[in-house]
PDB file of N, CA and C in Angstrom:
ATOM      1  N   MET A   1      -5.418  11.033 -59.162  1.00  0.00           N
ATOM      2  CA  MET A   1      -6.126   9.768 -58.943  1.00  0.00           C
ATOM      3  C   MET A   1      -6.129   8.976 -60.239  1.00  0.00           C
ATOM      4  N   PRO A   2      -5.805   7.704 -60.177  1.00  0.00           N
ATOM      5  CA  PRO A   2      -5.835   6.863 -61.377  1.00  0.00           C
ATOM      6  C   PRO A   2      -7.267   6.706 -61.905  1.00  0.00           C
ATOM      7  N   ARG A   3      -7.367   6.140 -63.071  1.00  0.00           N
ATOM      8  CA  ARG A   3      -8.664   5.940 -63.712  1.00  0.00           C
ATOM      9  C   ARG A   3      -9.512   4.976 -62.884  1.00  0.00           C
ATOM     10  N   ILE A   4     -10.768   5.361 -62.645  1.00  0.00           N
ATOM     11  CA  ILE A   4     -11.709   4.528 -61.911  1.00  0.00           C
ATOM     12  C   ILE A   4     -12.929   4.306 -62.794  1.00  0.00           C
ATOM     13  N   GLN A   5     -13.225   3.033 -63.058  1.00  0.00           N
ATOM     14  CA  GLN A   5     -14.395   2.659 -63.851  1.00  0.00           C
ATOM     15  C   GLN A   5     -15.461   2.093 -62.918  1.00  0.00           C
ATOM     16  N   VAL A   6     -16.670   1.996 -63.444  1.00  0.00           N
ATOM     17  CA  VAL A   6     -17.782   1.412 -62.717  1.00  0.00           C
ATOM     18  C   VAL A   6     -18.414   0.354 -63.618  1.00  0.00           C
ATOM     19  N   LYS A   7     -18.692  -0.839 -63.050  1.00  0.00           N
ATOM     20  CA  LYS A   7     -19.254  -1.940 -63.825  1.00  0.00           C
ATOM     21  C   LYS A   7     -20.192  -2.772 -62.960  1.00  0.00           C
ATOM     22  N   ARG A   8     -21.254  -3.263 -63.581  1.00  0.00           N
ATOM     23  CA  ARG A   8     -22.114  -4.221 -62.884  1.00  0.00           C
ATOM     24  C   ARG A   8     -21.356  -5.543 -62.746  1.00  0.00           C
ATOM     25  N   VAL A   9     -21.633  -6.262 -61.692  1.00  0.00           N
ATOM     26  CA  VAL A   9     -20.940  -7.525 -61.449  1.00  0.00           C
ATOM     27  C   VAL A   9     -21.243  -8.562 -62.525  1.00  0.00           C
ATOM     28  N   TYR A  10     -22.321  -8.374 -63.266  1.00  0.00           N
ATOM     29  CA  TYR A  10     -22.731  -9.341 -64.274  1.00  0.00           C
ATOM     30  C   TYR A  10     -22.073  -9.102 -65.631  1.00  0.00           C
ATOM     31  N   GLU A  11     -21.304  -8.012 -65.769  1.00  0.00           N
ATOM     32  CA  GLU A  11     -20.577  -7.737 -67.007  1.00  0.00           C
ATOM     33  C   GLU A  11     -19.298  -8.581 -67.040  1.00  0.00           C
ATOM     34  N   THR A  12     -18.869  -8.924 -68.218  1.00  0.00           N
ATOM     35  CA  THR A  12     -17.677  -9.740 -68.402  1.00  0.00           C
ATOM     36  C   THR A  12     -16.420  -8.980 -67.975  1.00  0.00           C
ATOM     37  N   PRO A  13     -15.563  -9.620 -67.175  1.00  0.00           N
ATOM     38  CA  PRO A  13     -14.292  -8.985 -66.812  1.00  0.00           C
ATOM     39  C   PRO A  13     -13.456  -8.699 -68.060  1.00  0.00           C
ATOM     40  N   ASN A  14     -12.653  -7.644 -67.971  1.00  0.00           N
ATOM     41  CA  ASN A  14     -11.835  -7.215 -69.085  1.00  0.00           C
ATOM     42  C   ASN A  14     -10.440  -6.891 -68.554  1.00  0.00           C
ATOM     43  N   PRO A  15      -9.382  -7.200 -69.295  1.00  0.00           N
ATOM     44  CA  PRO A  15      -8.031  -6.875 -68.822  1.00  0.00           C
ATOM     45  C   PRO A  15      -7.840  -5.383 -68.512  1.00  0.00           C
ATOM     46  N   SER A  16      -8.613  -4.514 -69.149  1.00  0.00           N
ATOM     47  CA  SER A  16      -8.484  -3.073 -68.895  1.00  0.00           C
ATOM     48  C   SER A  16      -9.157  -2.640 -67.590  1.00  0.00           C
ATOM     49  N   ASP A  17      -9.771  -3.584 -66.868  1.00  0.00           N
ATOM     50  CA  ASP A  17     -10.462  -3.238 -65.617  1.00  0.00           C
ATOM     51  C   ASP A  17      -9.513  -2.780 -64.517  1.00  0.00           C
ATOM     52  N   GLY A  18      -8.269  -3.171 -64.585  1.00  0.00           N
ATOM     53  CA  GLY A  18      -7.373  -2.885 -63.468  1.00  0.00           C
ATOM     54  C   GLY A  18      -7.790  -3.747 -62.285  1.00  0.00           C
ATOM     55  N   VAL A  19      -7.615  -3.248 -61.097  1.00  0.00           N
ATOM     56  CA  VAL A  19      -8.023  -3.972 -59.896  1.00  0.00           C
ATOM     57  C   VAL A  19      -9.549  -3.950 -59.832  1.00  0.00           C
ATOM     58  N   ARG A  20     -10.136  -5.116 -59.715  1.00  0.00           N
ATOM     59  CA  ARG A  20     -11.601  -5.236 -59.658  1.00  0.00           C
ATOM     60  C   ARG A  20     -12.020  -5.302 -58.191  1.00  0.00           C
ATOM     61  N   ILE A  21     -12.772  -4.279 -57.758  1.00  0.00           N
ATOM     62  CA  ILE A  21     -13.127  -4.142 -56.345  1.00  0.00           C
ATOM     63  C   ILE A  21     -14.646  -4.151 -56.184  1.00  0.00           C
ATOM     64  N   LEU A  22     -15.151  -5.141 -55.480  1.00  0.00           N
ATOM     65  CA  LEU A  22     -16.574  -5.201 -55.171  1.00  0.00           C
ATOM     66  C   LEU A  22     -16.860  -4.211 -54.056  1.00  0.00           C
ATOM     67  N   VAL A  23     -17.827  -3.314 -54.283  1.00  0.00           N
ATOM     68  CA  VAL A  23     -18.136  -2.275 -53.295  1.00  0.00           C
ATOM     69  C   VAL A  23     -19.571  -2.396 -52.784  1.00  0.00           C
ATOM     70  N   ASP A  24     -20.108  -3.604 -52.783  1.00  0.00           N
ATOM     71  CA  ASP A  24     -21.413  -3.898 -52.188  1.00  0.00           C
ATOM     72  C   ASP A  24     -21.179  -4.406 -50.767  1.00  0.00           C
ATOM     73  N   ARG A  25     -22.106  -4.102 -49.876  1.00  0.00           N
ATOM     74  CA  ARG A  25     -21.989  -4.598 -48.500  1.00  0.00           C
ATOM     75  C   ARG A  25     -22.351  -6.079 -48.420  1.00  0.00           C
ATOM     76  N   VAL A  26     -23.240  -6.538 -49.310  1.00  0.00           N
ATOM     77  CA  VAL A  26     -23.622  -7.952 -49.336  1.00  0.00           C
ATOM     78  C   VAL A  26     -23.186  -8.560 -50.665  1.00  0.00           C
ATOM     79  N   TRP A  27     -22.883  -9.856 -50.641  1.00  0.00           N
ATOM     80  CA  TRP A  27     -22.435 -10.535 -51.853  1.00  0.00           C
ATOM     81  C   TRP A  27     -23.570 -10.555 -52.874  1.00  0.00           C
ATOM     82  N   PRO A  28     -23.282 -10.280 -54.150  1.00  0.00           N
ATOM     83  CA  PRO A  28     -24.315 -10.264 -55.189  1.00  0.00           C
ATOM     84  C   PRO A  28     -24.967 -11.637 -55.379  1.00  0.00           C
ATOM     85  N   ARG A  29     -26.262 -11.624 -55.534  1.00  0.00           N
ATOM     86  CA  ARG A  29     -27.002 -12.876 -55.730  1.00  0.00           C
ATOM     87  C   ARG A  29     -26.665 -13.514 -57.069  1.00  0.00           C
ATOM     88  N   GLY A  30     -26.567 -14.821 -57.033  1.00  0.00           N
ATOM     89  CA  GLY A  30     -26.448 -15.581 -58.266  1.00  0.00           C
ATOM     90  C   GLY A  30     -25.114 -15.500 -58.976  1.00  0.00           C
ATOM     91  N   ILE A  31     -24.072 -15.054 -58.292  1.00  0.00           N
ATOM     92  CA  ILE A  31     -22.765 -14.975 -58.956  1.00  0.00           C
ATOM     93  C   ILE A  31     -21.706 -15.585 -58.035  1.00  0.00           C
ATOM     94  N   SER A  32     -20.905 -16.441 -58.605  1.00  0.00           N
ATOM     95  CA  SER A  32     -19.859 -17.095 -57.822  1.00  0.00           C
ATOM     96  C   SER A  32     -18.617 -16.207 -57.761  1.00  0.00           C
ATOM     97  N   LYS A  33     -17.768 -16.507 -56.800  1.00  0.00           N
ATOM     98  CA  LYS A  33     -16.496 -15.780 -56.695  1.00  0.00           C
ATOM     99  C   LYS A  33     -15.661 -15.975 -57.956  1.00  0.00           C
ATOM    100  N   ALA A  34     -15.690 -17.177 -58.505  1.00  0.00           N
ATOM    101  CA  ALA A  34     -14.910 -17.461 -59.712  1.00  0.00           C
ATOM    102  C   ALA A  34     -15.408 -16.645 -60.900  1.00  0.00           C
ATOM    103  N   LYS A  35     -16.710 -16.522 -61.036  1.00  0.00           N
ATOM    104  CA  LYS A  35     -17.261 -15.764 -62.164  1.00  0.00           C
ATOM    105  C   LYS A  35     -17.060 -14.255 -61.993  1.00  0.00           C
ATOM    106  N   LEU A  36     -17.166 -13.774 -60.768  1.00  0.00           N
ATOM    107  CA  LEU A  36     -17.016 -12.334 -60.518  1.00  0.00           C
ATOM    108  C   LEU A  36     -15.586 -11.864 -60.784  1.00  0.00           C
ATOM    109  N   LYS A  37     -14.622 -12.683 -60.383  1.00  0.00           N
ATOM    110  CA  LYS A  37     -13.210 -12.337 -60.562  1.00  0.00           C
ATOM    111  C   LYS A  37     -12.844 -10.993 -59.924  1.00  0.00           C
ATOM    112  N   ALA A  38     -13.342 -10.780 -58.707  1.00  0.00           N
ATOM    113  CA  ALA A  38     -12.991  -9.573 -57.957  1.00  0.00           C
ATOM    114  C   ALA A  38     -11.640  -9.800 -57.287  1.00  0.00           C
ATOM    115  N   ASP A  39     -10.798  -8.788 -57.336  1.00  0.00           N
ATOM    116  CA  ASP A  39      -9.521  -8.862 -56.635  1.00  0.00           C
ATOM    117  C   ASP A  39      -9.702  -8.577 -55.149  1.00  0.00           C
ATOM    118  N   LEU A  40     -10.672  -7.722 -54.837  1.00  0.00           N
ATOM    119  CA  LEU A  40     -10.934  -7.331 -53.453  1.00  0.00           C
ATOM    120  C   LEU A  40     -12.432  -7.165 -53.244  1.00  0.00           C
ATOM    121  N   TRP A  41     -12.848  -7.338 -52.002  1.00  0.00           N
ATOM    122  CA  TRP A  41     -14.218  -7.014 -51.608  1.00  0.00           C
ATOM    123  C   TRP A  41     -14.082  -6.039 -50.454  1.00  0.00           C
ATOM    124  N   LEU A  42     -14.265  -4.754 -50.743  1.00  0.00           N
ATOM    125  CA  LEU A  42     -14.140  -3.721 -49.712  1.00  0.00           C
ATOM    126  C   LEU A  42     -15.528  -3.291 -49.259  1.00  0.00           C
ATOM    127  N   LYS A  43     -16.193  -4.155 -48.489  1.00  0.00           N
ATOM    128  CA  LYS A  43     -17.538  -3.818 -48.032  1.00  0.00           C
ATOM    129  C   LYS A  43     -17.516  -2.641 -47.067  1.00  0.00           C
ATOM    130  N   GLU A  44     -16.346  -2.331 -46.507  1.00  0.00           N
ATOM    131  CA  GLU A  44     -16.227  -1.203 -45.578  1.00  0.00           C
ATOM    132  C   GLU A  44     -16.466   0.141 -46.271  1.00  0.00           C
ATOM    133  N   VAL A  45     -16.282   0.204 -47.610  1.00  0.00           N
ATOM    134  CA  VAL A  45     -16.544   1.466 -48.313  1.00  0.00           C
ATOM    135  C   VAL A  45     -17.968   1.533 -48.842  1.00  0.00           C
ATOM    136  N   ALA A  46     -18.730   0.469 -48.666  1.00  0.00           N
ATOM    137  CA  ALA A  46     -20.134   0.465 -49.093  1.00  0.00           C
ATOM    138  C   ALA A  46     -20.963   1.269 -48.092  1.00  0.00           C
ATOM    139  N   PRO A  47     -22.114   1.756 -48.530  1.00  0.00           N
ATOM    140  CA  PRO A  47     -22.988   2.469 -47.587  1.00  0.00           C
ATOM    141  C   PRO A  47     -23.413   1.542 -46.442  1.00  0.00           C
ATOM    142  N   SER A  48     -23.671   2.130 -45.298  1.00  0.00           N
ATOM    143  CA  SER A  48     -24.157   1.347 -44.162  1.00  0.00           C
ATOM    144  C   SER A  48     -25.465   0.658 -44.538  1.00  0.00           C
ATOM    145  N   THR A  49     -25.771  -0.396 -43.834  1.00  0.00           N
ATOM    146  CA  THR A  49     -27.018  -1.126 -44.089  1.00  0.00           C
ATOM    147  C   THR A  49     -28.213  -0.194 -43.939  1.00  0.00           C
ATOM    148  N   GLU A  50     -28.193   0.652 -42.918  1.00  0.00           N
ATOM    149  CA  GLU A  50     -29.298   1.587 -42.689  1.00  0.00           C
ATOM    150  C   GLU A  50     -29.468   2.532 -43.878  1.00  0.00           C
ATOM    151  N   LEU A  51     -28.365   3.087 -44.366  1.00  0.00           N
ATOM    152  CA  LEU A  51     -28.437   4.022 -45.487  1.00  0.00           C
ATOM    153  C   LEU A  51     -28.885   3.299 -46.758  1.00  0.00           C
ATOM    154  N   ARG A  52     -28.356   2.122 -46.979  1.00  0.00           N
ATOM    155  CA  ARG A  52     -28.734   1.351 -48.169  1.00  0.00           C
ATOM    156  C   ARG A  52     -30.231   1.051 -48.168  1.00  0.00           C
ATOM    157  N   LYS A  53     -30.763   0.632 -47.030  1.00  0.00           N
ATOM    158  CA  LYS A  53     -32.198   0.332 -46.947  1.00  0.00           C
ATOM    159  C   LYS A  53     -33.038   1.593 -47.109  1.00  0.00           C
ATOM    160  N   TRP A  54     -32.600   2.708 -46.526  1.00  0.00           N
ATOM    161  CA  TRP A  54     -33.338   3.963 -46.663  1.00  0.00           C
ATOM    162  C   TRP A  54     -33.388   4.396 -48.132  1.00  0.00           C
ATOM    163  N   PHE A  55     -32.260   4.319 -48.805  1.00  0.00           N
ATOM    164  CA  PHE A  55     -32.179   4.759 -50.195  1.00  0.00           C
ATOM    165  C   PHE A  55     -33.021   3.880 -51.123  1.00  0.00           C
ATOM    166  N   ALA A  56     -32.890   2.580 -51.003  1.00  0.00           N
ATOM    167  CA  ALA A  56     -33.657   1.617 -51.801  1.00  0.00           C
ATOM    168  C   ALA A  56     -33.619   1.941 -53.294  1.00  0.00           C
ATOM    169  N   HIS A  57     -32.530   2.525 -53.759  1.00  0.00           N
ATOM    170  CA  HIS A  57     -32.323   2.879 -55.168  1.00  0.00           C
ATOM    171  C   HIS A  57     -33.458   3.738 -55.734  1.00  0.00           C
ATOM    172  N   ASP A  58     -33.957   4.637 -54.899  1.00  0.00           N
ATOM    173  CA  ASP A  58     -35.004   5.580 -55.311  1.00  0.00           C
ATOM    174  C   ASP A  58     -34.318   6.819 -55.885  1.00  0.00           C
ATOM    175  N   PRO A  59     -34.437   7.054 -57.209  1.00  0.00           N
ATOM    176  CA  PRO A  59     -33.766   8.213 -57.821  1.00  0.00           C
ATOM    177  C   PRO A  59     -34.151   9.545 -57.177  1.00  0.00           C
ATOM    178  N   ALA A  60     -35.333   9.630 -56.596  1.00  0.00           N
ATOM    179  CA  ALA A  60     -35.756  10.873 -55.938  1.00  0.00           C
ATOM    180  C   ALA A  60     -34.916  11.159 -54.692  1.00  0.00           C
ATOM    181  N   LYS A  61     -34.291  10.139 -54.125  1.00  0.00           N
ATOM    182  CA  LYS A  61     -33.459  10.294 -52.926  1.00  0.00           C
ATOM    183  C   LYS A  61     -31.975  10.399 -53.254  1.00  0.00           C
ATOM    184  N   TRP A  62     -31.607  10.418 -54.538  1.00  0.00           N
ATOM    185  CA  TRP A  62     -30.213  10.342 -54.967  1.00  0.00           C
ATOM    186  C   TRP A  62     -29.323  11.415 -54.341  1.00  0.00           C
ATOM    187  N   ALA A  63     -29.723  12.670 -54.426  1.00  0.00           N
ATOM    188  CA  ALA A  63     -28.883  13.764 -53.898  1.00  0.00           C
ATOM    189  C   ALA A  63     -28.685  13.610 -52.393  1.00  0.00           C
ATOM    190  N   GLN A  64     -29.740  13.304 -51.681  1.00  0.00           N
ATOM    191  CA  GLN A  64     -29.640  13.128 -50.229  1.00  0.00           C
ATOM    192  C   GLN A  64     -28.822  11.877 -49.893  1.00  0.00           C
ATOM    193  N   PHE A  65     -28.999  10.811 -50.670  1.00  0.00           N
ATOM    194  CA  PHE A  65     -28.202   9.600 -50.474  1.00  0.00           C
ATOM    195  C   PHE A  65     -26.714   9.924 -50.586  1.00  0.00           C
ATOM    196  N   LYS A  66     -26.336  10.647 -51.648  1.00  0.00           N
ATOM    197  CA  LYS A  66     -24.919  10.978 -51.821  1.00  0.00           C
ATOM    198  C   LYS A  66     -24.401  11.803 -50.654  1.00  0.00           C
ATOM    199  N   ARG A  67     -25.155  12.787 -50.181  1.00  0.00           N
ATOM    200  CA  ARG A  67     -24.704  13.587 -49.037  1.00  0.00           C
ATOM    201  C   ARG A  67     -24.455  12.697 -47.821  1.00  0.00           C
ATOM    202  N   ARG A  68     -25.410  11.809 -47.544  1.00  0.00           N
ATOM    203  CA  ARG A  68     -25.276  10.929 -46.375  1.00  0.00           C
ATOM    204  C   ARG A  68     -24.125   9.933 -46.558  1.00  0.00           C
ATOM    205  N   TYR A  69     -24.009   9.399 -47.752  1.00  0.00           N
ATOM    206  CA  TYR A  69     -22.942   8.432 -48.036  1.00  0.00           C
ATOM    207  C   TYR A  69     -21.571   9.101 -47.944  1.00  0.00           C
ATOM    208  N   PHE A  70     -21.426  10.281 -48.509  1.00  0.00           N
ATOM    209  CA  PHE A  70     -20.153  10.997 -48.439  1.00  0.00           C
ATOM    210  C   PHE A  70     -19.785  11.295 -46.988  1.00  0.00           C
ATOM    211  N   ALA A  71     -20.783  11.608 -46.157  1.00  0.00           N
ATOM    212  CA  ALA A  71     -20.521  11.843 -44.731  1.00  0.00           C
ATOM    213  C   ALA A  71     -20.008  10.555 -44.078  1.00  0.00           C
ATOM    214  N   GLU A  72     -20.600   9.412 -44.452  1.00  0.00           N
ATOM    215  CA  GLU A  72     -20.104   8.135 -43.926  1.00  0.00           C
ATOM    216  C   GLU A  72     -18.660   7.899 -44.367  1.00  0.00           C
ATOM    217  N   LEU A  73     -18.361   8.170 -45.612  1.00  0.00           N
ATOM    218  CA  LEU A  73     -17.003   7.962 -46.120  1.00  0.00           C
ATOM    219  C   LEU A  73     -16.006   8.866 -45.410  1.00  0.00           C
ATOM    220  N   LYS A  74     -16.387  10.097 -45.126  1.00  0.00           N
ATOM    221  CA  LYS A  74     -15.492  11.016 -44.416  1.00  0.00           C
ATOM    222  C   LYS A  74     -15.165  10.500 -43.018  1.00  0.00           C
ATOM    223  N   ARG A  75     -16.124   9.821 -42.402  1.00  0.00           N
ATOM    224  CA  ARG A  75     -15.901   9.256 -41.062  1.00  0.00           C
ATOM    225  C   ARG A  75     -15.133   7.927 -41.132  1.00  0.00           C
ATOM    226  N   ASN A  76     -14.988   7.375 -42.312  1.00  0.00           N
ATOM    227  CA  ASN A  76     -14.372   6.073 -42.489  1.00  0.00           C
ATOM    228  C   ASN A  76     -13.076   6.194 -43.295  1.00  0.00           C
ATOM    229  N   ARG A  77     -12.183   7.015 -42.831  1.00  0.00           N
ATOM    230  CA  ARG A  77     -10.949   7.320 -43.559  1.00  0.00           C
ATOM    231  C   ARG A  77     -10.088   6.088 -43.821  1.00  0.00           C
ATOM    232  N   GLU A  78     -10.075   5.138 -42.885  1.00  0.00           N
ATOM    233  CA  GLU A  78      -9.257   3.931 -43.072  1.00  0.00           C
ATOM    234  C   GLU A  78      -9.699   3.136 -44.290  1.00  0.00           C
ATOM    235  N   ALA A  79     -11.001   2.961 -44.445  1.00  0.00           N
ATOM    236  CA  ALA A  79     -11.521   2.202 -45.587  1.00  0.00           C
ATOM    237  C   ALA A  79     -11.224   2.926 -46.890  1.00  0.00           C
ATOM    238  N   VAL A  80     -11.375   4.239 -46.898  1.00  0.00           N
ATOM    239  CA  VAL A  80     -11.096   5.020 -48.100  1.00  0.00           C
ATOM    240  C   VAL A  80      -9.598   4.946 -48.418  1.00  0.00           C
ATOM    241  N   ALA A  81      -8.760   4.992 -47.392  1.00  0.00           N
ATOM    242  CA  ALA A  81      -7.314   4.876 -47.607  1.00  0.00           C
ATOM    243  C   ALA A  81      -6.971   3.498 -48.170  1.00  0.00           C
ATOM    244  N   SER A  82      -7.631   2.455 -47.695  1.00  0.00           N
ATOM    245  CA  SER A  82      -7.415   1.105 -48.224  1.00  0.00           C
ATOM    246  C   SER A  82      -7.784   1.054 -49.693  1.00  0.00           C
ATOM    247  N   PHE A  83      -8.884   1.685 -50.037  1.00  0.00           N
ATOM    248  CA  PHE A  83      -9.298   1.710 -51.430  1.00  0.00           C
ATOM    249  C   PHE A  83      -8.250   2.423 -52.277  1.00  0.00           C
ATOM    250  N   ARG A  84      -7.834   3.600 -51.844  1.00  0.00           N
ATOM    251  CA  ARG A  84      -6.852   4.371 -52.619  1.00  0.00           C
ATOM    252  C   ARG A  84      -5.569   3.576 -52.844  1.00  0.00           C
ATOM    253  N   GLU A  85      -5.134   2.852 -51.828  1.00  0.00           N
ATOM    254  CA  GLU A  85      -3.926   2.039 -51.946  1.00  0.00           C
ATOM    255  C   GLU A  85      -4.119   0.938 -52.987  1.00  0.00           C
ATOM    256  N   ALA A  86      -5.264   0.277 -52.923  1.00  0.00           N
ATOM    257  CA  ALA A  86      -5.540  -0.824 -53.854  1.00  0.00           C
ATOM    258  C   ALA A  86      -5.691  -0.332 -55.288  1.00  0.00           C
ATOM    259  N   ALA A  87      -6.152   0.892 -55.462  1.00  0.00           N
ATOM    260  CA  ALA A  87      -6.480   1.403 -56.794  1.00  0.00           C
ATOM    261  C   ALA A  87      -5.397   2.286 -57.401  1.00  0.00           C
ATOM    262  N   LYS A  88      -4.192   2.212 -56.888  1.00  0.00           N
ATOM    263  CA  LYS A  88      -3.117   3.085 -57.374  1.00  0.00           C
ATOM    264  C   LYS A  88      -2.901   3.024 -58.883  1.00  0.00           C
ATOM    265  N   GLN A  89      -3.082   1.857 -59.472  1.00  0.00           N
ATOM    266  CA  GLN A  89      -2.854   1.695 -60.913  1.00  0.00           C
ATOM    267  C   GLN A  89      -4.150   1.685 -61.716  1.00  0.00           C
ATOM    268  N   GLY A  90      -5.249   2.062 -61.100  1.00  0.00           N
ATOM    269  CA  GLY A  90      -6.544   2.031 -61.769  1.00  0.00           C
ATOM    270  C   GLY A  90      -7.408   0.921 -61.195  1.00  0.00           C
ATOM    271  N   ALA A  91      -8.712   1.128 -61.254  1.00  0.00           N
ATOM    272  CA  ALA A  91      -9.612   0.147 -60.657  1.00  0.00           C
ATOM    273  C   ALA A  91     -10.974   0.192 -61.330  1.00  0.00           C
ATOM    274  N   THR A  92     -11.707  -0.897 -61.129  1.00  0.00           N
ATOM    275  CA  THR A  92     -13.096  -0.970 -61.544  1.00  0.00           C
ATOM    276  C   THR A  92     -13.918  -1.270 -60.306  1.00  0.00           C
ATOM    277  N   LEU A  93     -14.884  -0.399 -60.032  1.00  0.00           N
ATOM    278  CA  LEU A  93     -15.801  -0.597 -58.908  1.00  0.00           C
ATOM    279  C   LEU A  93     -16.934  -1.492 -59.382  1.00  0.00           C
ATOM    280  N   LEU A  94     -17.143  -2.582 -58.695  1.00  0.00           N
ATOM    281  CA  LEU A  94     -18.175  -3.545 -59.069  1.00  0.00           C
ATOM    282  C   LEU A  94     -19.380  -3.410 -58.146  1.00  0.00           C
ATOM    283  N   TYR A  95     -20.576  -3.409 -58.728  1.00  0.00           N
ATOM    284  CA  TYR A  95     -21.815  -3.280 -57.960  1.00  0.00           C
ATOM    285  C   TYR A  95     -22.861  -4.196 -58.583  1.00  0.00           C
ATOM    286  N   SER A  96     -23.907  -4.513 -57.818  1.00  0.00           N
ATOM    287  CA  SER A  96     -24.920  -5.428 -58.334  1.00  0.00           C
ATOM    288  C   SER A  96     -26.273  -4.774 -58.588  1.00  0.00           C
ATOM    289  N   ALA A  97     -26.434  -3.520 -58.261  1.00  0.00           N
ATOM    290  CA  ALA A  97     -27.731  -2.844 -58.441  1.00  0.00           C
ATOM    291  C   ALA A  97     -28.158  -2.850 -59.908  1.00  0.00           C
ATOM    292  N   HIS A  98     -29.461  -2.867 -60.123  1.00  0.00           N
ATOM    293  CA  HIS A  98     -29.999  -2.813 -61.491  1.00  0.00           C
ATOM    294  C   HIS A  98     -29.852  -1.417 -62.086  1.00  0.00           C
ATOM    295  N   ASP A  99     -29.986  -0.395 -61.252  1.00  0.00           N
ATOM    296  CA  ASP A  99     -29.914   0.997 -61.714  1.00  0.00           C
ATOM    297  C   ASP A  99     -28.445   1.362 -61.941  1.00  0.00           C
ATOM    298  N   GLU A 100     -28.104   1.605 -63.195  1.00  0.00           N
ATOM    299  CA  GLU A 100     -26.707   1.899 -63.536  1.00  0.00           C
ATOM    300  C   GLU A 100     -26.306   3.346 -63.276  1.00  0.00           C
ATOM    301  N   THR A 101     -27.261   4.179 -62.934  1.00  0.00           N
ATOM    302  CA  THR A 101     -26.993   5.594 -62.704  1.00  0.00           C
ATOM    303  C   THR A 101     -27.012   5.962 -61.227  1.00  0.00           C
ATOM    304  N   HIS A 102     -27.896   5.338 -60.467  1.00  0.00           N
ATOM    305  CA  HIS A 102     -28.101   5.678 -59.054  1.00  0.00           C
ATOM    306  C   HIS A 102     -27.704   4.488 -58.178  1.00  0.00           C
ATOM    307  N   ASN A 103     -26.404   4.359 -57.917  1.00  0.00           N
ATOM    308  CA  ASN A 103     -25.922   3.273 -57.066  1.00  0.00           C
ATOM    309  C   ASN A 103     -24.655   3.719 -56.341  1.00  0.00           C
ATOM    310  N   GLN A 104     -24.258   2.944 -55.344  1.00  0.00           N
ATOM    311  CA  GLN A 104     -23.125   3.338 -54.510  1.00  0.00           C
ATOM    312  C   GLN A 104     -21.810   3.406 -55.266  1.00  0.00           C
ATOM    313  N   ALA A 105     -21.617   2.599 -56.303  1.00  0.00           N
ATOM    314  CA  ALA A 105     -20.357   2.630 -57.050  1.00  0.00           C
ATOM    315  C   ALA A 105     -20.205   3.954 -57.800  1.00  0.00           C
ATOM    316  N   VAL A 106     -21.291   4.422 -58.393  1.00  0.00           N
ATOM    317  CA  VAL A 106     -21.269   5.715 -59.088  1.00  0.00           C
ATOM    318  C   VAL A 106     -20.976   6.827 -58.079  1.00  0.00           C
ATOM    319  N   ALA A 107     -21.642   6.771 -56.933  1.00  0.00           N
ATOM    320  CA  ALA A 107     -21.424   7.793 -55.895  1.00  0.00           C
ATOM    321  C   ALA A 107     -20.004   7.722 -55.355  1.00  0.00           C
ATOM    322  N   LEU A 108     -19.502   6.522 -55.123  1.00  0.00           N
ATOM    323  CA  LEU A 108     -18.139   6.367 -54.601  1.00  0.00           C
ATOM    324  C   LEU A 108     -17.112   6.898 -55.589  1.00  0.00           C
ATOM    325  N   ARG A 109     -17.297   6.614 -56.848  1.00  0.00           N
ATOM    326  CA  ARG A 109     -16.392   7.139 -57.876  1.00  0.00           C
ATOM    327  C   ARG A 109     -16.386   8.664 -57.836  1.00  0.00           C
ATOM    328  N   GLU A 110     -17.570   9.258 -57.756  1.00  0.00           N
ATOM    329  CA  GLU A 110     -17.679  10.722 -57.682  1.00  0.00           C
ATOM    330  C   GLU A 110     -16.957  11.250 -56.442  1.00  0.00           C
ATOM    331  N   TYR A 111     -17.140  10.593 -55.324  1.00  0.00           N
ATOM    332  CA  TYR A 111     -16.483  11.005 -54.085  1.00  0.00           C
ATOM    333  C   TYR A 111     -14.960  10.944 -54.218  1.00  0.00           C
ATOM    334  N   LEU A 112     -14.467   9.843 -54.752  1.00  0.00           N
ATOM    335  CA  LEU A 112     -13.021   9.655 -54.862  1.00  0.00           C
ATOM    336  C   LEU A 112     -12.375  10.620 -55.847  1.00  0.00           C
ATOM    337  N   ILE A 113     -13.045  10.883 -56.934  1.00  0.00           N
ATOM    338  CA  ILE A 113     -12.492  11.802 -57.926  1.00  0.00           C
ATOM    339  C   ILE A 113     -12.573  13.247 -57.438  1.00  0.00           C
ATOM    340  N   GLY A 114     -13.636  13.541 -56.699  1.00  0.00           N
ATOM    341  CA  GLY A 114     -13.839  14.929 -56.235  1.00  0.00           C
ATOM    342  C   GLY A 114     -13.150  15.255 -54.925  1.00  0.00           C
ATOM    343  N   SER A 115     -12.764  14.231 -54.171  1.00  0.00           N
ATOM    344  CA  SER A 115     -12.162  14.509 -52.867  1.00  0.00           C
ATOM    345  C   SER A 115     -10.652  14.582 -52.961  1.00  0.00           C
ATOM    346  N   LYS A 116     -10.091  15.347 -52.070  1.00  0.00           N
ATOM    347  CA  LYS A 116      -8.631  15.450 -51.997  1.00  0.00           C
ATOM    348  C   LYS A 116      -8.120  14.423 -51.011  1.00  0.00           C
ATOM    349  N   ARG A 117      -6.891  14.020 -51.194  1.00  0.00           N
ATOM    350  CA  ARG A 117      -6.292  13.058 -50.266  1.00  0.00           C
ATOM    351  C   ARG A 117      -6.125  13.706 -48.903  1.00  0.00           C
ATOM    352  N   PRO A 118      -6.341  12.926 -47.819  1.00  0.00           N
ATOM    353  CA  PRO A 118      -6.114  13.465 -46.478  1.00  0.00           C
ATOM    354  C   PRO A 118      -4.638  13.793 -46.282  1.00  0.00           C
ATOM    355  N   LYS A 119      -4.376  14.853 -45.552  1.00  0.00           N
ATOM    356  CA  LYS A 119      -2.992  15.270 -45.297  1.00  0.00           C
ATOM    357  C   LYS A 119      -2.414  14.559 -44.107  1.00  0.00           C
TER     358      LYS A 119
END
């Protein structure tokens, strides 16, 4: 798997970002498409609305959130395959959450690095 970085949408884009992929289900508040400079918006790989609302970025729910999110990703092979195709040369996952440790981009990166490609 190529290098995958994680960045808040409010950080300045960098040439080393590779493909910049927004992985939020909803567009980040207060940021224009021009300023974000995302190459793709793959909301299909973001957690479901129900899971996102349940989690509410509560660190106490982090382990359970990841289990539930990974289960969603396993059921959504097409979206994960789209991501892998887009990120062949490296990518930066963009997210808007304030918590830099407990968010879907961090979990998605862990899932992608830890999971094997489907046969």
